[in-house]
Amino acid sequence: MCERGSRLRWVKKNSDLYRLDNGKIIEIINTNDLEDLLKLYAEKFEISAYKLTEHLLESVDISKLDIYFFSVAYLFRQSIELILKALAFKYIRNKEDRIKFLKLTKHNLYDILIRIKPYIESDINVDKKSFDWLISFFDNINDIDKKSDAFRYPFGISIKRDWLGEKVYSINPVLTKQTHIDLVKFANKMLSTYEILNSLYNDVYGTYKRDESLKPILIEEGGSYYSQSVVGYKHSFKSYYPYIESYTNSAEYVYSLTNNDDKLKEFLFIPMCYLYRNAVELSLKAILIEECSLDLQEALKQMNKKKHKIVGLWNLIKDEIKEHASPTEGDKTLENAFMYLRHLNNFDVEADKFRYPFSKNLNIYFDKKHKFDIDNVNNFFKELLSFLSGVKGMMSYHNEIKAEWQSEMRSERLSNFDRY
């Protein structure tokens, strides 16, 4: 496997996420104030979601409206989860109680709100209509995205047992039909929800007025031609491609914003890293389930087992990649790629370092000062994603040729059989 031209980014030797190359330097250090950290991260994701949505609606490019939707939806949803948890930590002060709260509610927006409702109502004179709207909205979100994974992955994996007690894995696609989403309504609901929760957090409830025309329904169809996100094509229900494109392209755009506005880099860096990180995970899973020789049951089993572990997923596919690539002796491409993956895996094993300011046990991330070169980080991810895209393309091409050859062989055997 060799580098595919000087203009294409490709994995190279000794790449380092921490390397400082005189680019745009950002310093990250998180304080011990967990409530404040949650609020800060909520702002980062909300600003990223808003900037992306603004870009989509101003670009008048229907392809972007379709491609970017998943990452935009996730960023909005994550900002709401974070501001909700900041609001919860405003009232829940004990460490053990906070850990218990996170364990019980996880990513479920409805459960979080219901559990903190008594605190809010005893502290603030809440407008019942607005609060009931939030409850209905979060209840509706639960129908689609209870675990905060509907906009990150194309399908969920469910497990049942057959009559022998063996586990049987099945795919649960997020979208089961083509859907023309009104992006303006979607974004306005998310922004309105964030502003209501933000006003509760800042003790200025009532200063923000909710648009009464907004329905507590996550996805509504309609809108003008240049404000619709069309997602859920039948042929892509199980495909990772739209999600990979969504997260990669969104990360690239967010990165570009750091070039134009130095102030924005403080808010956009963490969401940019998560977008890229998820694109890497999606790319590995796409190779596993769409190009490797494992049958669907085994692929789903392994995917469910490895979860978000980058190196674990790589170990499942590396031998088949090598078989397809047939690298020449001394070719270090796969070794170089593994160094990227190991570095990222060791830095962010559970895929939460760029999503939350601390772990489930309240261990703070970046509690010591970390310096990052944003340009270097961007290159690190783009080089890795370019490699993974090339691998998938190569394997897909080989698999198509193999399928055609097998089809021809079957036809020839049947033809020979008919002669007798």
Protein backbone atom coordinates (compact mmCIF):
# COMPACT_ATOMS: atom_id res chain seq x y z
CA MET A 1 0.00 0.00 0.00
CA CYS A 2 1.49 3.29 -1.01
CA GLU A 3 0.67 6.97 -0.74
CA ARG A 4 -1.78 7.90 -3.45
CA GLY A 5 -0.41 11.17 -4.74
CA SER A 6 1.10 14.21 -3.15
CA ARG A 7 -2.18 16.09 -2.80
CA LEU A 8 -3.98 13.36 -0.86
CA ARG A 9 -3.47 13.27 2.89
CA TRP A 10 -2.20 9.88 4.00
CA VAL A 11 -0.92 8.23 7.16
CA LYS A 12 2.76 8.81 7.80
CA LYS A 13 5.39 7.77 10.30
CA ASN A 14 5.55 9.31 13.77
CA SER A 15 2.35 11.30 13.65
CA ASP A 16 1.44 12.74 17.04
CA LEU A 17 -1.84 14.28 18.22
CA TYR A 18 0.12 16.42 20.69
CA ARG A 19 2.72 17.76 18.27
CA LEU A 20 3.03 21.55 18.16
CA ASP A 21 3.88 22.83 14.69
CA ASN A 22 3.57 26.59 15.12
CA GLY A 23 -0.06 26.47 14.08
CA LYS A 24 -3.07 27.73 16.05
CA ILE A 25 -2.33 26.76 19.63
CA ILE A 26 -5.13 26.16 22.09
CA GLU A 27 -4.72 25.49 25.81
CA ILE A 28 -7.27 23.37 27.64
CA ILE A 29 -7.48 23.09 31.40
CA ASN A 30 -10.66 22.17 33.24
CA THR A 31 -11.44 23.39 36.73
CA ASN A 32 -12.92 21.42 39.63
CA ASP A 33 -16.31 23.13 39.24
CA LEU A 34 -18.25 20.32 37.53
CA GLU A 35 -21.44 22.34 37.19
CA ASP A 36 -19.57 25.14 35.45
CA LEU A 37 -17.74 22.68 33.20
CA LEU A 38 -21.00 21.11 32.02
CA LYS A 39 -22.35 24.57 31.22
CA LEU A 40 -19.19 25.47 29.30
CA TYR A 41 -19.29 22.27 27.23
CA ALA A 42 -22.99 22.85 26.54
CA GLU A 43 -22.11 26.24 25.07
CA LYS A 44 -19.40 24.68 22.90
CA PHE A 45 -21.75 22.16 21.35
CA GLU A 46 -24.60 24.66 20.98
CA ILE A 47 -22.39 27.16 19.16
CA SER A 48 -21.02 24.43 16.87
CA ALA A 49 -24.53 23.24 16.03
CA TYR A 50 -25.72 26.79 15.37
CA LYS A 51 -22.76 27.63 13.13
CA LEU A 52 -23.21 24.47 11.09
CA THR A 53 -26.94 25.04 10.68
CA GLU A 54 -26.33 28.64 9.65
CA HIS A 55 -23.85 27.40 7.05
CA LEU A 56 -26.31 24.87 5.65
CA LEU A 57 -29.17 27.31 5.30
CA GLU A 58 -27.00 30.01 3.75
CA SER A 59 -25.17 27.73 1.31
CA VAL A 60 -28.27 26.91 -0.80
CA ASP A 61 -26.73 23.49 -1.42
CA ILE A 62 -29.24 20.67 -1.03
CA SER A 63 -26.51 18.03 -0.91
CA LYS A 64 -25.09 19.67 2.23
CA LEU A 65 -28.54 19.80 3.80
CA ASP A 66 -28.80 16.03 3.43
CA ILE A 67 -25.24 15.15 4.38
CA TYR A 68 -24.71 17.37 7.42
CA PHE A 69 -28.00 16.62 9.17
CA PHE A 70 -26.82 13.76 11.41
CA SER A 71 -23.90 15.65 12.92
CA VAL A 72 -25.95 18.84 13.34
CA ALA A 73 -28.70 16.89 15.11
CA TYR A 74 -26.17 15.23 17.41
CA LEU A 75 -24.45 18.53 18.31
CA PHE A 76 -27.77 20.12 19.21
CA ARG A 77 -28.87 17.09 21.20
CA GLN A 78 -25.56 16.96 23.07
CA SER A 79 -25.76 20.65 23.98
CA ILE A 80 -29.20 20.03 25.51
CA GLU A 81 -28.01 17.01 27.48
CA LEU A 82 -25.06 18.98 28.85
CA ILE A 83 -27.11 22.04 29.91
CA LEU A 84 -29.64 19.70 31.54
CA LYS A 85 -26.89 18.01 33.53
CA ALA A 86 -25.44 21.39 34.48
CA LEU A 87 -28.88 22.33 35.79
CA ALA A 88 -29.03 19.04 37.71
CA PHE A 89 -25.60 19.59 39.29
CA LYS A 90 -26.75 23.03 40.37
CA TYR A 91 -29.05 21.28 42.84
CA ILE A 92 -27.28 17.94 43.39
CA ARG A 93 -24.07 18.83 45.19
CA ASN A 94 -22.90 15.62 46.87
CA LYS A 95 -20.37 13.61 44.85
CA GLU A 96 -21.97 10.21 45.47
CA ASP A 97 -25.41 11.60 44.64
CA ARG A 98 -24.08 13.04 41.40
CA ILE A 99 -22.52 9.72 40.37
CA LYS A 100 -25.77 7.94 41.19
CA PHE A 101 -27.76 10.49 39.21
CA LEU A 102 -25.57 10.05 36.11
CA LYS A 103 -25.82 6.28 36.40
CA LEU A 104 -29.63 6.34 36.68
CA THR A 105 -30.35 8.86 33.92
CA LYS A 106 -27.46 8.20 31.49
CA HIS A 107 -28.29 10.08 28.26
CA ASN A 108 -32.06 10.08 28.62
CA LEU A 109 -33.25 13.70 28.43
CA TYR A 110 -36.74 12.88 29.67
CA ASP A 111 -35.45 11.01 32.74
CA ILE A 112 -33.04 13.81 33.59
CA LEU A 113 -35.75 16.46 33.46
CA ILE A 114 -38.28 14.43 35.47
CA ARG A 115 -35.74 13.73 38.22
CA ILE A 116 -34.77 17.38 38.63
CA LYS A 117 -38.29 18.73 38.20
CA PRO A 118 -38.97 18.89 42.01
CA TYR A 119 -35.77 20.91 42.53
CA ILE A 120 -36.66 23.40 39.81
CA GLU A 121 -40.28 23.86 40.87
CA SER A 122 -39.30 24.46 44.48
CA ASP A 123 -36.74 27.09 43.43
CA ILE A 124 -38.31 28.87 40.47
CA ASN A 125 -41.80 29.94 39.52
CA VAL A 126 -41.94 27.88 36.34
CA ASP A 127 -44.37 28.55 33.53
CA LYS A 128 -46.37 25.31 33.35
CA LYS A 129 -46.97 25.49 29.61
CA SER A 130 -43.30 25.82 28.77
CA PHE A 131 -42.27 23.11 31.20
CA ASP A 132 -44.96 20.73 29.96
CA TRP A 133 -43.75 21.46 26.43
CA LEU A 134 -40.22 20.40 27.43
CA ILE A 135 -41.51 17.19 28.99
CA SER A 136 -43.55 16.35 25.88
CA PHE A 137 -40.62 17.17 23.61
CA PHE A 138 -38.18 14.99 25.52
CA ASP A 139 -40.73 12.19 25.62
CA ASN A 140 -40.98 12.42 21.84
CA ILE A 141 -37.18 12.41 21.50
CA ASN A 142 -37.15 9.14 23.46
CA ASP A 143 -39.09 7.48 20.66
CA ILE A 144 -36.13 8.10 18.36
CA ASP A 145 -33.05 8.83 20.44
CA LYS A 146 -33.28 7.61 24.01
CA LYS A 147 -29.57 6.72 24.25
CA SER A 148 -28.00 9.57 22.26
CA ASP A 149 -26.89 7.26 19.45
CA ALA A 150 -29.57 7.69 16.76
CA PHE A 151 -27.67 10.53 15.09
CA ARG A 152 -24.24 8.98 15.63
CA TYR A 153 -24.82 5.54 14.07
CA PRO A 154 -27.05 4.27 11.24
CA PHE A 155 -28.55 1.50 13.33
CA GLY A 156 -28.76 0.02 16.80
CA ILE A 157 -28.01 -3.58 17.66
CA SER A 158 -30.58 -5.61 19.58
CA ILE A 159 -30.00 -9.01 21.15
CA LYS A 160 -32.49 -11.82 21.66
CA ARG A 161 -32.09 -15.50 22.41
CA ASP A 162 -33.34 -18.29 20.19
CA TRP A 163 -35.02 -21.48 21.43
CA LEU A 164 -31.59 -22.96 22.21
CA GLY A 165 -30.62 -19.96 24.31
CA GLU A 166 -28.11 -18.68 21.76
CA LYS A 167 -27.80 -14.94 21.24
CA VAL A 168 -29.23 -13.62 18.00
CA TYR A 169 -28.19 -10.14 16.89
CA SER A 170 -30.32 -7.91 14.70
CA ILE A 171 -30.15 -4.45 13.18
CA ASN A 172 -32.57 -1.70 14.18
CA PRO A 173 -32.29 1.11 11.63
CA VAL A 174 -32.89 4.64 12.91
CA LEU A 175 -34.84 5.67 9.82
CA THR A 176 -37.11 3.23 8.02
CA LYS A 177 -38.27 5.50 5.22
CA GLN A 178 -37.13 8.49 3.25
CA THR A 179 -37.82 11.57 5.38
CA HIS A 180 -37.90 15.22 4.29
CA ILE A 181 -36.98 16.98 7.54
CA ASP A 182 -37.82 20.64 8.00
CA LEU A 183 -34.39 21.78 9.18
CA VAL A 184 -35.57 25.26 10.20
CA LYS A 185 -38.22 23.88 12.54
CA PHE A 186 -35.80 21.24 13.84
CA ALA A 187 -33.11 23.81 14.65
CA ASN A 188 -35.58 26.29 16.16
CA LYS A 189 -36.92 23.63 18.54
CA MET A 190 -33.43 22.70 19.62
CA LEU A 191 -32.42 26.33 20.10
CA SER A 192 -35.64 27.11 21.95
CA THR A 193 -35.12 24.13 24.26
CA TYR A 194 -31.55 25.18 24.98
CA GLU A 195 -32.60 28.76 25.74
CA ILE A 196 -35.35 27.65 28.14
CA LEU A 197 -32.93 25.42 30.04
CA ASN A 198 -30.26 28.11 29.97
CA SER A 199 -32.69 30.62 31.49
CA LEU A 200 -33.48 28.12 34.24
CA TYR A 201 -29.79 27.62 34.90
CA ASN A 202 -29.07 31.35 35.03
CA ASP A 203 -32.09 32.11 37.25
CA VAL A 204 -33.58 34.40 34.61
CA TYR A 205 -36.52 32.18 33.74
CA GLY A 206 -39.19 34.09 31.90
CA THR A 207 -36.82 36.35 29.97
CA TYR A 208 -36.86 33.91 27.08
CA LYS A 209 -40.22 33.40 25.37
CA ARG A 210 -40.84 30.13 23.55
CA ASP A 211 -42.34 30.27 20.09
CA GLU A 212 -45.85 28.95 20.67
CA SER A 213 -46.04 27.61 17.11
CA LEU A 214 -43.30 25.03 17.74
CA LYS A 215 -44.66 21.54 18.28
CA PRO A 216 -43.02 19.19 20.80
CA ILE A 217 -42.11 16.79 18.00
CA LEU A 218 -38.45 16.15 17.17
CA ILE A 219 -38.80 15.53 13.44
CA GLU A 220 -41.38 17.27 11.29
CA GLU A 221 -41.44 16.97 7.53
CA GLY A 222 -41.91 19.89 5.17
CA GLY A 223 -40.33 23.28 4.74
CA SER A 224 -38.99 24.96 1.64
CA TYR A 225 -36.85 23.12 -0.89
CA TYR A 226 -33.66 24.78 0.35
CA SER A 227 -34.32 24.10 4.02
CA GLN A 228 -35.07 20.37 3.88
CA SER A 229 -32.73 17.59 4.94
CA VAL A 230 -33.69 14.47 3.02
CA VAL A 231 -32.42 11.41 4.87
CA GLY A 232 -33.26 7.74 5.11
CA TYR A 233 -32.89 6.48 1.57
CA LYS A 234 -33.89 2.82 1.41
CA HIS A 235 -30.56 1.69 0.06
CA SER A 236 -28.69 3.33 2.93
CA PHE A 237 -30.64 2.12 5.96
CA LYS A 238 -27.68 -0.03 6.99
CA SER A 239 -25.00 2.11 5.37
CA TYR A 240 -22.40 4.05 7.28
CA TYR A 241 -21.57 6.29 4.33
CA PRO A 242 -24.01 9.17 5.06
CA TYR A 243 -22.86 9.28 8.69
CA ILE A 244 -19.15 9.19 7.82
CA GLU A 245 -19.65 11.99 5.31
CA SER A 246 -21.73 13.98 7.78
CA TYR A 247 -19.21 13.85 10.61
CA THR A 248 -16.13 14.29 8.42
CA ASN A 249 -17.50 17.22 6.43
CA SER A 250 -18.89 18.89 9.54
CA ALA A 251 -15.55 18.58 11.32
CA GLU A 252 -13.79 20.11 8.32
CA TYR A 253 -16.18 23.05 8.28
CA VAL A 254 -15.88 23.62 12.03
CA TYR A 255 -12.10 23.54 11.61
CA SER A 256 -12.34 26.16 8.86
CA LEU A 257 -14.19 28.46 11.26
CA THR A 258 -11.20 28.42 13.61
CA ASN A 259 -9.17 29.91 10.75
CA ASN A 260 -11.55 32.82 10.29
CA ASP A 261 -12.28 33.69 13.90
CA ASP A 262 -9.63 33.20 16.56
CA LYS A 263 -12.17 33.66 19.37
CA LEU A 264 -14.24 30.74 18.10
CA LYS A 265 -11.44 28.21 18.46
CA GLU A 266 -11.98 28.10 22.23
CA PHE A 267 -15.54 26.90 21.65
CA LEU A 268 -15.18 24.82 18.50
CA PHE A 269 -12.08 22.72 19.19
CA ILE A 270 -13.69 20.08 21.44
CA PRO A 271 -16.75 19.54 19.19
CA MET A 272 -14.45 19.40 16.14
CA CYS A 273 -12.40 16.65 17.76
CA TYR A 274 -15.50 14.65 18.61
CA LEU A 275 -16.86 14.94 15.08
CA TYR A 276 -13.58 13.65 13.69
CA ARG A 277 -13.27 10.94 16.34
CA ASN A 278 -16.73 9.59 15.59
CA ALA A 279 -15.97 9.61 11.86
CA VAL A 280 -12.96 7.35 12.56
CA GLU A 281 -15.08 4.93 14.58
CA LEU A 282 -17.78 4.91 11.90
CA SER A 283 -15.16 4.22 9.21
CA LEU A 284 -13.77 1.22 11.08
CA LYS A 285 -17.26 -0.20 11.64
CA ALA A 286 -18.16 0.35 7.98
CA ILE A 287 -15.15 -1.71 6.89
CA LEU A 288 -16.03 -4.44 9.38
CA ILE A 289 -19.68 -4.87 8.48
CA GLU A 290 -19.69 -3.88 4.80
CA GLU A 291 -16.39 -5.19 3.44
CA CYS A 292 -15.00 -7.95 5.68
CA SER A 293 -15.85 -11.63 5.23
CA LEU A 294 -17.50 -12.09 8.62
CA ASP A 295 -21.16 -13.05 8.38
CA LEU A 296 -23.63 -10.50 9.70
CA GLN A 297 -24.21 -12.27 13.03
CA GLU A 298 -20.52 -12.42 13.85
CA ALA A 299 -19.91 -8.85 12.69
CA LEU A 300 -22.74 -7.53 14.88
CA LYS A 301 -21.54 -9.63 17.80
CA GLN A 302 -18.01 -8.25 17.56
CA MET A 303 -19.19 -4.70 16.97
CA ASN A 304 -21.42 -4.88 20.04
CA LYS A 305 -18.54 -6.28 22.07
CA LYS A 306 -15.94 -3.71 21.05
CA LYS A 307 -18.31 -0.73 21.39
CA HIS A 308 -16.19 2.41 20.84
CA LYS A 309 -12.73 0.88 21.20
CA ILE A 310 -10.70 1.97 18.20
CA VAL A 311 -7.89 -0.58 18.51
CA GLY A 312 -10.36 -3.39 19.21
CA LEU A 313 -12.19 -2.64 15.98
CA TRP A 314 -8.91 -2.37 14.07
CA ASN A 315 -7.79 -5.79 15.30
CA LEU A 316 -10.95 -7.29 13.80
CA ILE A 317 -10.23 -5.97 10.31
CA LYS A 318 -6.45 -5.60 9.98
CA ASP A 319 -5.77 -9.10 8.64
CA GLU A 320 -8.36 -8.77 5.89
CA ILE A 321 -7.04 -5.32 4.98
CA LYS A 322 -3.57 -6.83 4.62
CA GLU A 323 -4.96 -9.68 2.53
CA HIS A 324 -6.67 -7.26 0.15
CA ALA A 325 -3.73 -4.83 -0.01
CA SER A 326 -0.97 -7.42 -0.49
CA PRO A 327 1.67 -4.88 0.60
CA THR A 328 5.19 -5.22 -0.69
CA GLU A 329 7.91 -6.28 1.72
CA GLY A 330 8.97 -3.35 3.87
CA ASP A 331 5.77 -1.37 3.32
CA LYS A 332 4.98 0.37 6.62
CA THR A 333 1.55 1.80 5.76
CA LEU A 334 -0.43 -0.51 8.05
CA GLU A 335 2.04 0.03 10.89
CA ASN A 336 1.80 3.78 10.44
CA ALA A 337 -2.00 3.62 10.43
CA PHE A 338 -1.98 1.54 13.61
CA MET A 339 0.11 4.20 15.37
CA TYR A 340 -2.62 6.77 14.67
CA LEU A 341 -5.29 4.41 15.94
CA ARG A 342 -3.37 3.38 19.05
CA HIS A 343 -2.62 7.01 19.87
CA LEU A 344 -6.28 7.96 19.55
CA ASN A 345 -7.45 4.86 21.43
CA ASN A 346 -5.09 5.50 24.35
CA PHE A 347 -6.13 9.14 24.47
CA ASP A 348 -9.88 8.49 24.33
CA VAL A 349 -10.71 4.85 25.09
CA GLU A 350 -14.40 5.31 25.90
CA ALA A 351 -15.21 7.93 23.24
CA ASP A 352 -16.21 10.46 25.89
CA LYS A 353 -13.18 12.73 26.27
CA PHE A 354 -14.49 15.07 23.58
CA ARG A 355 -18.13 14.74 24.67
CA TYR A 356 -17.99 15.40 28.41
CA PRO A 357 -15.66 17.29 30.73
CA PHE A 358 -15.39 14.35 33.13
CA SER A 359 -16.01 10.62 33.40
CA LYS A 360 -19.02 8.82 34.89
CA ASN A 361 -17.10 8.69 38.15
CA LEU A 362 -16.46 12.44 37.99
CA ASN A 363 -12.78 12.16 37.12
CA ILE A 364 -12.03 15.44 35.35
CA TYR A 365 -10.55 15.35 31.86
CA PHE A 366 -7.82 17.88 31.08
CA ASP A 367 -7.40 18.67 34.76
CA LYS A 368 -3.83 19.62 33.86
CA LYS A 369 -3.03 22.07 31.10
CA HIS A 370 -2.93 20.52 27.63
CA LYS A 371 -1.69 22.36 24.58
CA PHE A 372 -2.91 21.40 21.13
CA ASP A 373 -1.99 22.66 17.70
CA ILE A 374 -5.39 22.82 15.97
CA ASP A 375 -3.82 22.52 12.51
CA ASN A 376 -1.87 19.44 13.56
CA VAL A 377 -4.94 17.84 15.14
CA ASN A 378 -6.94 18.50 11.99
CA ASN A 379 -4.20 16.94 9.84
CA PHE A 380 -3.94 13.94 12.17
CA PHE A 381 -7.61 13.09 11.74
CA LYS A 382 -7.76 13.87 8.02
CA GLU A 383 -4.74 11.68 7.28
CA LEU A 384 -6.26 8.79 9.20
CA LEU A 385 -9.70 9.20 7.64
CA SER A 386 -8.18 9.43 4.16
CA PHE A 387 -6.42 6.13 4.77
CA LEU A 388 -9.57 4.42 6.05
CA SER A 389 -11.57 5.74 3.10
CA GLY A 390 -8.94 4.39 0.73
CA VAL A 391 -8.99 1.01 2.44
CA LYS A 392 -12.76 0.75 2.19
CA GLY A 393 -12.71 1.77 -1.46
CA MET A 394 -10.05 -0.81 -2.26
CA MET A 395 -11.87 -3.61 -0.44
CA SER A 396 -15.21 -2.67 -1.98
CA TYR A 397 -13.68 -2.80 -5.48
CA HIS A 398 -12.09 -6.19 -4.81
CA ASN A 399 -15.32 -7.55 -3.36
CA GLU A 400 -17.29 -6.41 -6.41
CA ILE A 401 -14.85 -8.16 -8.74
CA LYS A 402 -15.00 -11.29 -6.61
CA ALA A 403 -18.82 -11.24 -6.60
CA GLU A 404 -18.89 -10.86 -10.39
CA TRP A 405 -16.43 -13.74 -10.81
CA GLN A 406 -18.46 -15.99 -8.49
CA SER A 407 -21.64 -15.10 -10.37
CA GLU A 408 -20.02 -16.00 -13.68
CA MET A 409 -18.76 -19.28 -12.28
CA ARG A 410 -22.24 -20.18 -11.00
CA SER A 411 -23.76 -19.35 -14.38
CA GLU A 412 -21.16 -21.48 -16.14
CA ARG A 413 -21.78 -24.45 -13.85
CA LEU A 414 -25.52 -24.20 -14.38
CA SER A 415 -24.98 -23.98 -18.13
CA ASN A 416 -22.81 -27.09 -18.06
CA PHE A 417 -25.39 -28.90 -15.94
CA ASP A 418 -28.15 -28.12 -18.45
CA ARG A 419 -26.22 -29.90 -21.20
CA TYR A 420 -26.59 -33.26 -19.53
